[in-house]
PDB file of N, CA and C in Angstrom:
ATOM      1  N   UNK A   1      -8.303   9.712  -7.007  1.00  0.00           N
ATOM      2  CA  UNK A   1      -7.073   9.748  -7.772  1.00  0.00           C
ATOM      3  C   UNK A   1      -7.336   9.126  -9.140  1.00  0.00           C
ATOM      4  N   UNK A   2      -7.119   9.871 -10.156  1.00  0.00           N
ATOM      5  CA  UNK A   2      -7.454   9.404 -11.502  1.00  0.00           C
ATOM      6  C   UNK A   2      -6.528   8.298 -11.998  1.00  0.00           C
ATOM      7  N   UNK A   3      -5.363   8.134 -11.381  1.00  0.00           N
ATOM      8  CA  UNK A   3      -4.432   7.093 -11.816  1.00  0.00           C
ATOM      9  C   UNK A   3      -4.612   5.767 -11.087  1.00  0.00           C
ATOM     10  N   UNK A   4      -5.483   5.721 -10.091  1.00  0.00           N
ATOM     11  CA  UNK A   4      -5.662   4.484  -9.315  1.00  0.00           C
ATOM     12  C   UNK A   4      -6.075   3.321 -10.208  1.00  0.00           C
ATOM     13  N   UNK A   5      -7.008   3.550 -11.099  1.00  0.00           N
ATOM     14  CA  UNK A   5      -7.478   2.452 -11.961  1.00  0.00           C
ATOM     15  C   UNK A   5      -6.381   1.943 -12.894  1.00  0.00           C
ATOM     16  N   UNK A   6      -5.737   2.815 -13.704  1.00  0.00           N
ATOM     17  CA  UNK A   6      -4.702   2.270 -14.586  1.00  0.00           C
ATOM     18  C   UNK A   6      -3.520   1.653 -13.834  1.00  0.00           C
ATOM     19  N   UNK A   7      -3.125   2.243 -12.713  1.00  0.00           N
ATOM     20  CA  UNK A   7      -2.022   1.669 -11.948  1.00  0.00           C
ATOM     21  C   UNK A   7      -2.429   0.349 -11.297  1.00  0.00           C
ATOM     22  N   UNK A   8      -3.654   0.278 -10.782  1.00  0.00           N
ATOM     23  CA  UNK A   8      -4.143  -0.965 -10.195  1.00  0.00           C
ATOM     24  C   UNK A   8      -4.247  -2.075 -11.221  1.00  0.00           C
ATOM     25  N   UNK A   9      -4.727  -1.747 -12.412  1.00  0.00           N
ATOM     26  CA  UNK A   9      -4.815  -2.738 -13.486  1.00  0.00           C
ATOM     27  C   UNK A   9      -3.425  -3.199 -13.922  1.00  0.00           C
ATOM     28  N   UNK A  10      -2.482  -2.269 -14.006  1.00  0.00           N
ATOM     29  CA  UNK A  10      -1.107  -2.630 -14.381  1.00  0.00           C
ATOM     30  C   UNK A  10      -0.484  -3.532 -13.317  1.00  0.00           C
ATOM     31  N   UNK A  11      -0.718  -3.219 -12.055  1.00  0.00           N
ATOM     32  CA  UNK A  11      -0.191  -4.063 -10.972  1.00  0.00           C
ATOM     33  C   UNK A  11      -0.799  -5.462 -11.035  1.00  0.00           C
ATOM     34  N   UNK A  12      -2.087  -5.542 -11.308  1.00  0.00           N
ATOM     35  CA  UNK A  12      -2.760  -6.850 -11.407  1.00  0.00           C
ATOM     36  C   UNK A  12      -2.212  -7.658 -12.579  1.00  0.00           C
ATOM     37  N   UNK A  13      -1.989  -7.011 -13.713  1.00  0.00           N
ATOM     38  CA  UNK A  13      -1.420  -7.713 -14.872  1.00  0.00           C
ATOM     39  C   UNK A  13      -0.030  -8.247 -14.558  1.00  0.00           C
ATOM     40  N   UNK A  14       0.771  -7.424 -13.922  1.00  0.00           N
ATOM     41  CA  UNK A  14       2.136  -7.833 -13.562  1.00  0.00           C
ATOM     42  C   UNK A  14       2.100  -8.998 -12.579  1.00  0.00           C
ATOM     43  N   UNK A  15       1.239  -8.901 -11.587  1.00  0.00           N
ATOM     44  CA  UNK A  15       1.074  -9.950 -10.574  1.00  0.00           C
ATOM     45  C   UNK A  15       0.687 -11.264 -11.252  1.00  0.00           C
ATOM     46  N   UNK A  16      -0.276 -11.201 -12.150  1.00  0.00           N
ATOM     47  CA  UNK A  16      -0.753 -12.404 -12.837  1.00  0.00           C
ATOM     48  C   UNK A  16       0.335 -12.982 -13.757  1.00  0.00           C
ATOM     49  N   UNK A  17       1.043 -12.127 -14.485  1.00  0.00           N
ATOM     50  CA  UNK A  17       2.116 -12.588 -15.374  1.00  0.00           C
ATOM     51  C   UNK A  17       3.244 -13.245 -14.611  1.00  0.00           C
ATOM     52  N   UNK A  18       3.536 -12.738 -13.423  1.00  0.00           N
ATOM     53  CA  UNK A  18       4.624 -13.281 -12.604  1.00  0.00           C
ATOM     54  C   UNK A  18       4.222 -14.601 -11.961  1.00  0.00           C
ATOM     55  N   UNK A  19       2.938 -14.934 -12.026  1.00  0.00           N
ATOM     56  CA  UNK A  19       2.470 -16.171 -11.411  1.00  0.00           C
ATOM     57  C   UNK A  19       2.455 -16.085  -9.901  1.00  0.00           C
ATOM     58  N   UNK A  20       2.396 -14.862  -9.385  1.00  0.00           N
ATOM     59  CA  UNK A  20       2.387 -14.664  -7.936  1.00  0.00           C
ATOM     60  C   UNK A  20       1.059 -15.148  -7.361  1.00  0.00           C
ATOM     61  N   UNK A  21       1.109 -15.601  -6.157  1.00  0.00           N
ATOM     62  CA  UNK A  21      -0.103 -16.068  -5.493  1.00  0.00           C
ATOM     63  C   UNK A  21      -0.231 -15.367  -4.151  1.00  0.00           C
ATOM     64  N   UNK A  22      -1.393 -15.395  -3.612  1.00  0.00           N
ATOM     65  CA  UNK A  22      -1.624 -14.805  -2.302  1.00  0.00           C
ATOM     66  C   UNK A  22      -3.084 -14.878  -1.955  1.00  0.00           C
ATOM     67  N   UNK A  23      -3.365 -14.740  -0.681  1.00  0.00           N
ATOM     68  CA  UNK A  23      -4.735 -14.803  -0.201  1.00  0.00           C
ATOM     69  C   UNK A  23      -5.362 -13.432  -0.031  1.00  0.00           C
ATOM     70  N   UNK A  24      -4.528 -12.389   0.093  1.00  0.00           N
ATOM     71  CA  UNK A  24      -5.052 -11.037   0.267  1.00  0.00           C
ATOM     72  C   UNK A  24      -3.978 -10.023  -0.053  1.00  0.00           C
ATOM     73  N   UNK A  25      -4.415  -8.797  -0.289  1.00  0.00           N
ATOM     74  CA  UNK A  25      -3.505  -7.672  -0.507  1.00  0.00           C
ATOM     75  C   UNK A  25      -3.589  -6.748   0.703  1.00  0.00           C
ATOM     76  N   UNK A  26      -2.432  -6.272   1.133  1.00  0.00           N
ATOM     77  CA  UNK A  26      -2.374  -5.347   2.265  1.00  0.00           C
ATOM     78  C   UNK A  26      -1.556  -4.135   1.834  1.00  0.00           C
ATOM     79  N   UNK A  27      -2.211  -3.026   1.515  1.00  0.00           N
ATOM     80  CA  UNK A  27      -1.452  -1.834   1.125  1.00  0.00           C
ATOM     81  C   UNK A  27      -0.737  -1.227   2.324  1.00  0.00           C
ATOM     82  N   UNK A  28       0.423  -0.656   2.064  1.00  0.00           N
ATOM     83  CA  UNK A  28       1.182   0.043   3.099  1.00  0.00           C
ATOM     84  C   UNK A  28       0.524   1.415   3.291  1.00  0.00           C
ATOM     85  N   UNK A  29       0.101   1.725   4.510  1.00  0.00           N
ATOM     86  CA  UNK A  29      -0.643   2.976   4.711  1.00  0.00           C
ATOM     87  C   UNK A  29       0.222   4.227   4.556  1.00  0.00           C
ATOM     88  N   UNK A  30      -0.364   5.224   3.945  1.00  0.00           N
ATOM     89  CA  UNK A  30       0.275   6.539   3.857  1.00  0.00           C
ATOM     90  C   UNK A  30       0.205   7.200   5.227  1.00  0.00           C
ATOM     91  N   UNK A  31       1.030   8.191   5.428  1.00  0.00           N
ATOM     92  CA  UNK A  31       0.993   8.916   6.691  1.00  0.00           C
ATOM     93  C   UNK A  31      -0.318   9.704   6.804  1.00  0.00           C
ATOM     94  N   UNK A  32      -0.715   9.981   8.018  1.00  0.00           N
ATOM     95  CA  UNK A  32      -1.944  10.769   8.226  1.00  0.00           C
ATOM     96  C   UNK A  32      -1.863  12.124   7.546  1.00  0.00           C
ATOM     97  N   UNK A  33      -0.666  12.743   7.611  1.00  0.00           N
ATOM     98  CA  UNK A  33      -0.492  14.050   6.977  1.00  0.00           C
ATOM     99  C   UNK A  33      -0.688  13.969   5.465  1.00  0.00           C
ATOM    100  N   UNK A  34      -0.132  12.913   4.839  1.00  0.00           N
ATOM    101  CA  UNK A  34      -0.290  12.742   3.389  1.00  0.00           C
ATOM    102  C   UNK A  34      -1.747  12.504   3.016  1.00  0.00           C
ATOM    103  N   UNK A  35      -2.420  11.666   3.777  1.00  0.00           N
ATOM    104  CA  UNK A  35      -3.835  11.391   3.502  1.00  0.00           C
ATOM    105  C   UNK A  35      -4.647  12.679   3.668  1.00  0.00           C
ATOM    106  N   UNK A  36      -4.342  13.443   4.685  1.00  0.00           N
ATOM    107  CA  UNK A  36      -5.054  14.707   4.911  1.00  0.00           C
ATOM    108  C   UNK A  36      -4.784  15.688   3.764  1.00  0.00           C
ATOM    109  N   UNK A  37      -3.531  15.775   3.313  1.00  0.00           N
ATOM    110  CA  UNK A  37      -3.179  16.674   2.196  1.00  0.00           C
ATOM    111  C   UNK A  37      -3.876  16.270   0.901  1.00  0.00           C
ATOM    112  N   UNK A  38      -3.816  14.983   0.580  1.00  0.00           N
ATOM    113  CA  UNK A  38      -4.354  14.485  -0.679  1.00  0.00           C
ATOM    114  C   UNK A  38      -5.854  14.248  -0.640  1.00  0.00           C
ATOM    115  N   UNK A  39      -6.327  13.820   0.518  1.00  0.00           N
ATOM    116  CA  UNK A  39      -7.729  13.453   0.634  1.00  0.00           C
ATOM    117  C   UNK A  39      -7.969  11.979   0.363  1.00  0.00           C
ATOM    118  N   UNK A  40      -6.914  11.213   0.171  1.00  0.00           N
ATOM    119  CA  UNK A  40      -7.029   9.777  -0.091  1.00  0.00           C
ATOM    120  C   UNK A  40      -5.681   9.111   0.180  1.00  0.00           C
ATOM    121  N   UNK A  41      -5.705   7.785   0.281  1.00  0.00           N
ATOM    122  CA  UNK A  41      -4.493   6.975   0.423  1.00  0.00           C
ATOM    123  C   UNK A  41      -4.287   6.250  -0.906  1.00  0.00           C
ATOM    124  N   UNK A  42      -3.296   6.674  -1.677  1.00  0.00           N
ATOM    125  CA  UNK A  42      -3.106   6.136  -3.015  1.00  0.00           C
ATOM    126  C   UNK A  42      -2.836   4.639  -3.011  1.00  0.00           C
ATOM    127  N   UNK A  43      -2.108   4.119  -2.042  1.00  0.00           N
ATOM    128  CA  UNK A  43      -1.818   2.679  -2.004  1.00  0.00           C
ATOM    129  C   UNK A  43      -3.101   1.872  -1.815  1.00  0.00           C
ATOM    130  N   UNK A  44      -3.997   2.359  -0.969  1.00  0.00           N
ATOM    131  CA  UNK A  44      -5.266   1.657  -0.743  1.00  0.00           C
ATOM    132  C   UNK A  44      -6.124   1.666  -2.006  1.00  0.00           C
ATOM    133  N   UNK A  45      -6.142   2.787  -2.713  1.00  0.00           N
ATOM    134  CA  UNK A  45      -6.927   2.870  -3.950  1.00  0.00           C
ATOM    135  C   UNK A  45      -6.385   1.930  -5.020  1.00  0.00           C
ATOM    136  N   UNK A  46      -5.065   1.928  -5.198  1.00  0.00           N
ATOM    137  CA  UNK A  46      -4.445   1.062  -6.209  1.00  0.00           C
ATOM    138  C   UNK A  46      -4.650  -0.404  -5.841  1.00  0.00           C
ATOM    139  N   UNK A  47      -4.451  -0.741  -4.573  1.00  0.00           N
ATOM    140  CA  UNK A  47      -4.651  -2.129  -4.126  1.00  0.00           C
ATOM    141  C   UNK A  47      -6.100  -2.555  -4.313  1.00  0.00           C
ATOM    142  N   UNK A  48      -7.036  -1.648  -4.087  1.00  0.00           N
ATOM    143  CA  UNK A  48      -8.451  -1.974  -4.278  1.00  0.00           C
ATOM    144  C   UNK A  48      -8.758  -2.374  -5.708  1.00  0.00           C
ATOM    145  N   UNK A  49      -8.210  -1.636  -6.662  1.00  0.00           N
ATOM    146  CA  UNK A  49      -8.407  -1.965  -8.075  1.00  0.00           C
ATOM    147  C   UNK A  49      -7.734  -3.289  -8.403  1.00  0.00           C
ATOM    148  N   UNK A  50      -6.488  -3.459  -7.970  1.00  0.00           N
ATOM    149  CA  UNK A  50      -5.749  -4.697  -8.260  1.00  0.00           C
ATOM    150  C   UNK A  50      -6.448  -5.895  -7.631  1.00  0.00           C
ATOM    151  N   UNK A  51      -6.864  -5.758  -6.377  1.00  0.00           N
ATOM    152  CA  UNK A  51      -7.549  -6.860  -5.708  1.00  0.00           C
ATOM    153  C   UNK A  51      -8.836  -7.243  -6.406  1.00  0.00           C
ATOM    154  N   UNK A  52      -9.584  -6.252  -6.820  1.00  0.00           N
ATOM    155  CA  UNK A  52     -10.828  -6.503  -7.546  1.00  0.00           C
ATOM    156  C   UNK A  52     -10.546  -7.254  -8.846  1.00  0.00           C
ATOM    157  N   UNK A  53      -9.538  -6.821  -9.572  1.00  0.00           N
ATOM    158  CA  UNK A  53      -9.175  -7.445 -10.843  1.00  0.00           C
ATOM    159  C   UNK A  53      -8.709  -8.891 -10.644  1.00  0.00           C
ATOM    160  N   UNK A  54      -7.992  -9.137  -9.560  1.00  0.00           N
ATOM    161  CA  UNK A  54      -7.429 -10.465  -9.295  1.00  0.00           C
ATOM    162  C   UNK A  54      -8.362 -11.365  -8.490  1.00  0.00           C
ATOM    163  N   UNK A  55      -9.447 -10.789  -7.966  1.00  0.00           N
ATOM    164  CA  UNK A  55     -10.353 -11.551  -7.122  1.00  0.00           C
ATOM    165  C   UNK A  55      -9.752 -11.862  -5.764  1.00  0.00           C
ATOM    166  N   UNK A  56      -8.915 -10.949  -5.272  1.00  0.00           N
ATOM    167  CA  UNK A  56      -8.246 -11.109  -3.977  1.00  0.00           C
ATOM    168  C   UNK A  56      -8.757 -10.018  -3.036  1.00  0.00           C
ATOM    169  N   UNK A  57      -9.144 -10.377  -1.809  1.00  0.00           N
ATOM    170  CA  UNK A  57      -9.586  -9.340  -0.872  1.00  0.00           C
ATOM    171  C   UNK A  57      -8.452  -8.396  -0.491  1.00  0.00           C
ATOM    172  N   UNK A  58      -8.821  -7.171  -0.184  1.00  0.00           N
ATOM    173  CA  UNK A  58      -7.864  -6.144   0.235  1.00  0.00           C
ATOM    174  C   UNK A  58      -8.191  -5.752   1.677  1.00  0.00           C
ATOM    175  N   UNK A  59      -7.197  -5.841   2.541  1.00  0.00           N
ATOM    176  CA  UNK A  59      -7.365  -5.415   3.936  1.00  0.00           C
ATOM    177  C   UNK A  59      -6.599  -4.116   4.126  1.00  0.00           C
ATOM    178  N   UNK A  60      -7.273  -2.998   3.861  1.00  0.00           N
ATOM    179  CA  UNK A  60      -6.581  -1.713   3.914  1.00  0.00           C
ATOM    180  C   UNK A  60      -6.503  -1.119   5.313  1.00  0.00           C
ATOM    181  N   UNK A  61      -6.974  -1.845   6.314  1.00  0.00           N
ATOM    182  CA  UNK A  61      -6.854  -1.349   7.681  1.00  0.00           C
ATOM    183  C   UNK A  61      -6.073  -2.315   8.574  1.00  0.00           C
ATOM    184  N   UNK A  62      -5.312  -3.226   7.981  1.00  0.00           N
ATOM    185  CA  UNK A  62      -4.555  -4.209   8.754  1.00  0.00           C
ATOM    186  C   UNK A  62      -3.289  -3.612   9.354  1.00  0.00           C
ATOM    187  N   UNK A  63      -2.623  -2.735   8.619  1.00  0.00           N
ATOM    188  CA  UNK A  63      -1.373  -2.132   9.092  1.00  0.00           C
ATOM    189  C   UNK A  63      -1.593  -0.711   9.564  1.00  0.00           C
ATOM    190  N   UNK A  64      -0.723  -0.288  10.468  1.00  0.00           N
ATOM    191  CA  UNK A  64      -0.686   1.112  10.888  1.00  0.00           C
ATOM    192  C   UNK A  64       0.771   1.521  11.039  1.00  0.00           C
ATOM    193  N   UNK A  65       1.009   2.797  10.984  1.00  0.00           N
ATOM    194  CA  UNK A  65       2.371   3.307  11.171  1.00  0.00           C
ATOM    195  C   UNK A  65       2.715   3.295  12.653  1.00  0.00           C
ATOM    196  N   UNK A  66       3.913   2.839  12.958  1.00  0.00           N
ATOM    197  CA  UNK A  66       4.374   2.857  14.339  1.00  0.00           C
ATOM    198  C   UNK A  66       5.332   4.025  14.573  1.00  0.00           C
ATOM    199  N   UNK A  67       5.785   4.625  13.482  1.00  0.00           N
ATOM    200  CA  UNK A  67       6.620   5.824  13.585  1.00  0.00           C
ATOM    201  C   UNK A  67       6.562   6.592  12.265  1.00  0.00           C
ATOM    202  N   UNK A  68       6.927   7.840  12.319  1.00  0.00           N
ATOM    203  CA  UNK A  68       6.935   8.713  11.144  1.00  0.00           C
ATOM    204  C   UNK A  68       8.155   8.377  10.283  1.00  0.00           C
ATOM    205  N   UNK A  69       7.983   8.426   8.973  1.00  0.00           N
ATOM    206  CA  UNK A  69       9.087   8.220   8.030  1.00  0.00           C
ATOM    207  C   UNK A  69       9.201   9.446   7.128  1.00  0.00           C
ATOM    208  N   UNK A  70      10.331   9.558   6.442  1.00  0.00           N
ATOM    209  CA  UNK A  70      10.480  10.633   5.461  1.00  0.00           C
ATOM    210  C   UNK A  70       9.962  10.119   4.126  1.00  0.00           C
ATOM    211  N   UNK A  71       9.665  11.028   3.212  1.00  0.00           N
ATOM    212  CA  UNK A  71       9.193  10.645   1.877  1.00  0.00           C
ATOM    213  C   UNK A  71      10.237   9.776   1.188  1.00  0.00           C
ATOM    214  N   UNK A  72       9.781   8.722   0.525  1.00  0.00           N
ATOM    215  CA  UNK A  72      10.667   7.742  -0.096  1.00  0.00           C
ATOM    216  C   UNK A  72      11.272   8.208  -1.422  1.00  0.00           C
ATOM    217  N   UNK A  73      10.618   9.127  -2.132  1.00  0.00           N
ATOM    218  CA  UNK A  73      10.996   9.407  -3.514  1.00  0.00           C
ATOM    219  C   UNK A  73      12.411   9.940  -3.701  1.00  0.00           C
ATOM    220  N   UNK A  74      13.004  10.560  -2.692  1.00  0.00           N
ATOM    221  CA  UNK A  74      14.366  11.086  -2.822  1.00  0.00           C
ATOM    222  C   UNK A  74      15.435  10.121  -2.314  1.00  0.00           C
ATOM    223  N   UNK A  75      15.032   8.951  -1.855  1.00  0.00           N
ATOM    224  CA  UNK A  75      15.973   8.016  -1.246  1.00  0.00           C
ATOM    225  C   UNK A  75      16.391   6.919  -2.219  1.00  0.00           C
ATOM    226  N   UNK A  76      17.621   6.412  -2.046  1.00  0.00           N
ATOM    227  CA  UNK A  76      18.047   5.266  -2.853  1.00  0.00           C
ATOM    228  C   UNK A  76      17.505   3.981  -2.217  1.00  0.00           C
ATOM    229  N   UNK A  77      17.740   2.856  -2.861  1.00  0.00           N
ATOM    230  CA  UNK A  77      17.169   1.571  -2.437  1.00  0.00           C
ATOM    231  C   UNK A  77      17.534   1.221  -0.985  1.00  0.00           C
ATOM    232  N   UNK A  78      18.787   1.382  -0.614  1.00  0.00           N
ATOM    233  CA  UNK A  78      19.222   1.041   0.744  1.00  0.00           C
ATOM    234  C   UNK A  78      18.577   1.975   1.761  1.00  0.00           C
ATOM    235  N   UNK A  79      18.575   3.257   1.466  1.00  0.00           N
ATOM    236  CA  UNK A  79      17.978   4.228   2.380  1.00  0.00           C
ATOM    237  C   UNK A  79      16.473   4.004   2.519  1.00  0.00           C
ATOM    238  N   UNK A  80      15.804   3.610   1.438  1.00  0.00           N
ATOM    239  CA  UNK A  80      14.366   3.328   1.501  1.00  0.00           C
ATOM    240  C   UNK A  80      14.081   2.192   2.476  1.00  0.00           C
ATOM    241  N   UNK A  81      14.865   1.128   2.385  1.00  0.00           N
ATOM    242  CA  UNK A  81      14.669  -0.018   3.277  1.00  0.00           C
ATOM    243  C   UNK A  81      14.863   0.397   4.731  1.00  0.00           C
ATOM    244  N   UNK A  82      15.896   1.164   5.005  1.00  0.00           N
ATOM    245  CA  UNK A  82      16.129   1.631   6.369  1.00  0.00           C
ATOM    246  C   UNK A  82      15.052   2.580   6.854  1.00  0.00           C
ATOM    247  N   UNK A  83      14.548   3.387   5.949  1.00  0.00           N
ATOM    248  CA  UNK A  83      13.521   4.371   6.297  1.00  0.00           C
ATOM    249  C   UNK A  83      12.236   3.705   6.793  1.00  0.00           C
ATOM    250  N   UNK A  84      11.857   2.585   6.187  1.00  0.00           N
ATOM    251  CA  UNK A  84      10.601   1.934   6.560  1.00  0.00           C
ATOM    252  C   UNK A  84      10.776   0.775   7.539  1.00  0.00           C
ATOM    253  N   UNK A  85      12.027   0.412   7.828  1.00  0.00           N
ATOM    254  CA  UNK A  85      12.265  -0.688   8.762  1.00  0.00           C
ATOM    255  C   UNK A  85      11.641  -0.371  10.123  1.00  0.00           C
ATOM    256  N   UNK A  86      10.741  -1.217  10.571  1.00  0.00           N
ATOM    257  CA  UNK A  86      10.086  -1.024  11.857  1.00  0.00           C
ATOM    258  C   UNK A  86       9.057   0.097  11.889  1.00  0.00           C
ATOM    259  N   UNK A  87       8.700   0.625  10.731  1.00  0.00           N
ATOM    260  CA  UNK A  87       7.789   1.770  10.684  1.00  0.00           C
ATOM    261  C   UNK A  87       6.315   1.368  10.661  1.00  0.00           C
ATOM    262  N   UNK A  88       6.026   0.066  10.514  1.00  0.00           N
ATOM    263  CA  UNK A  88       4.639  -0.396  10.426  1.00  0.00           C
ATOM    264  C   UNK A  88       4.424  -1.576  11.355  1.00  0.00           C
ATOM    265  N   UNK A  89       3.203  -1.703  11.812  1.00  0.00           N
ATOM    266  CA  UNK A  89       2.837  -2.839  12.653  1.00  0.00           C
ATOM    267  C   UNK A  89       1.389  -3.223  12.359  1.00  0.00           C
ATOM    268  N   UNK A  90       1.044  -4.425  12.789  1.00  0.00           N
ATOM    269  CA  UNK A  90      -0.342  -4.874  12.628  1.00  0.00           C
ATOM    270  C   UNK A  90      -1.211  -4.106  13.613  1.00  0.00           C
ATOM    271  N   UNK A  91      -2.301  -3.582  13.099  1.00  0.00           N
ATOM    272  CA  UNK A  91      -3.232  -2.806  13.929  1.00  0.00           C
ATOM    273  C   UNK A  91      -3.919  -3.749  14.908  1.00  0.00           C
ATOM    274  N   UNK A  92      -3.960  -3.345  16.134  1.00  0.00           N
ATOM    275  CA  UNK A  92      -4.636  -4.145  17.158  1.00  0.00           C
ATOM    276  C   UNK A  92      -6.140  -3.934  17.033  1.00  0.00           C
ATOM    277  N   UNK A  93      -6.885  -5.002  17.231  1.00  0.00           N
ATOM    278  CA  UNK A  93      -8.343  -4.916  17.190  1.00  0.00           C
ATOM    279  C   UNK A  93      -8.878  -4.152  18.385  1.00  0.00           C
ATOM    280  N   UNK A  94     -10.065  -3.629  18.215  1.00  0.00           N
ATOM    281  CA  UNK A  94     -10.728  -2.927  19.316  1.00  0.00           C
ATOM    282  C   UNK A  94     -11.163  -3.953  20.351  1.00  0.00           C
ATOM    283  N   UNK A  95     -10.807  -3.739  21.580  1.00  0.00           N
ATOM    284  CA  UNK A  95     -11.193  -4.672  22.660  1.00  0.00           C
ATOM    285  C   UNK A  95     -12.572  -4.379  23.172  1.00  0.00           C
TER     286      UNK A  95
END
């Protein structure tokens, strides 16, 4: 994705300006269908750039989807929150 670098750098600048702190970045995973269509997970790519810029590790395999959601772009703020509520969980390690 050609926009991953500029968007990741912009996110890192905003994060640094806001004085935000954290030990790691965890991108919200795209659906399997979206990743298959695009060939990449845009959130993971953007987080990778931002994490690199900020010196913060990125754990792009920590979360997984627990249910399917609809695309967020057509939803208002309240509907977006409801759409993703309970839609993600921490991925269990391989036993």
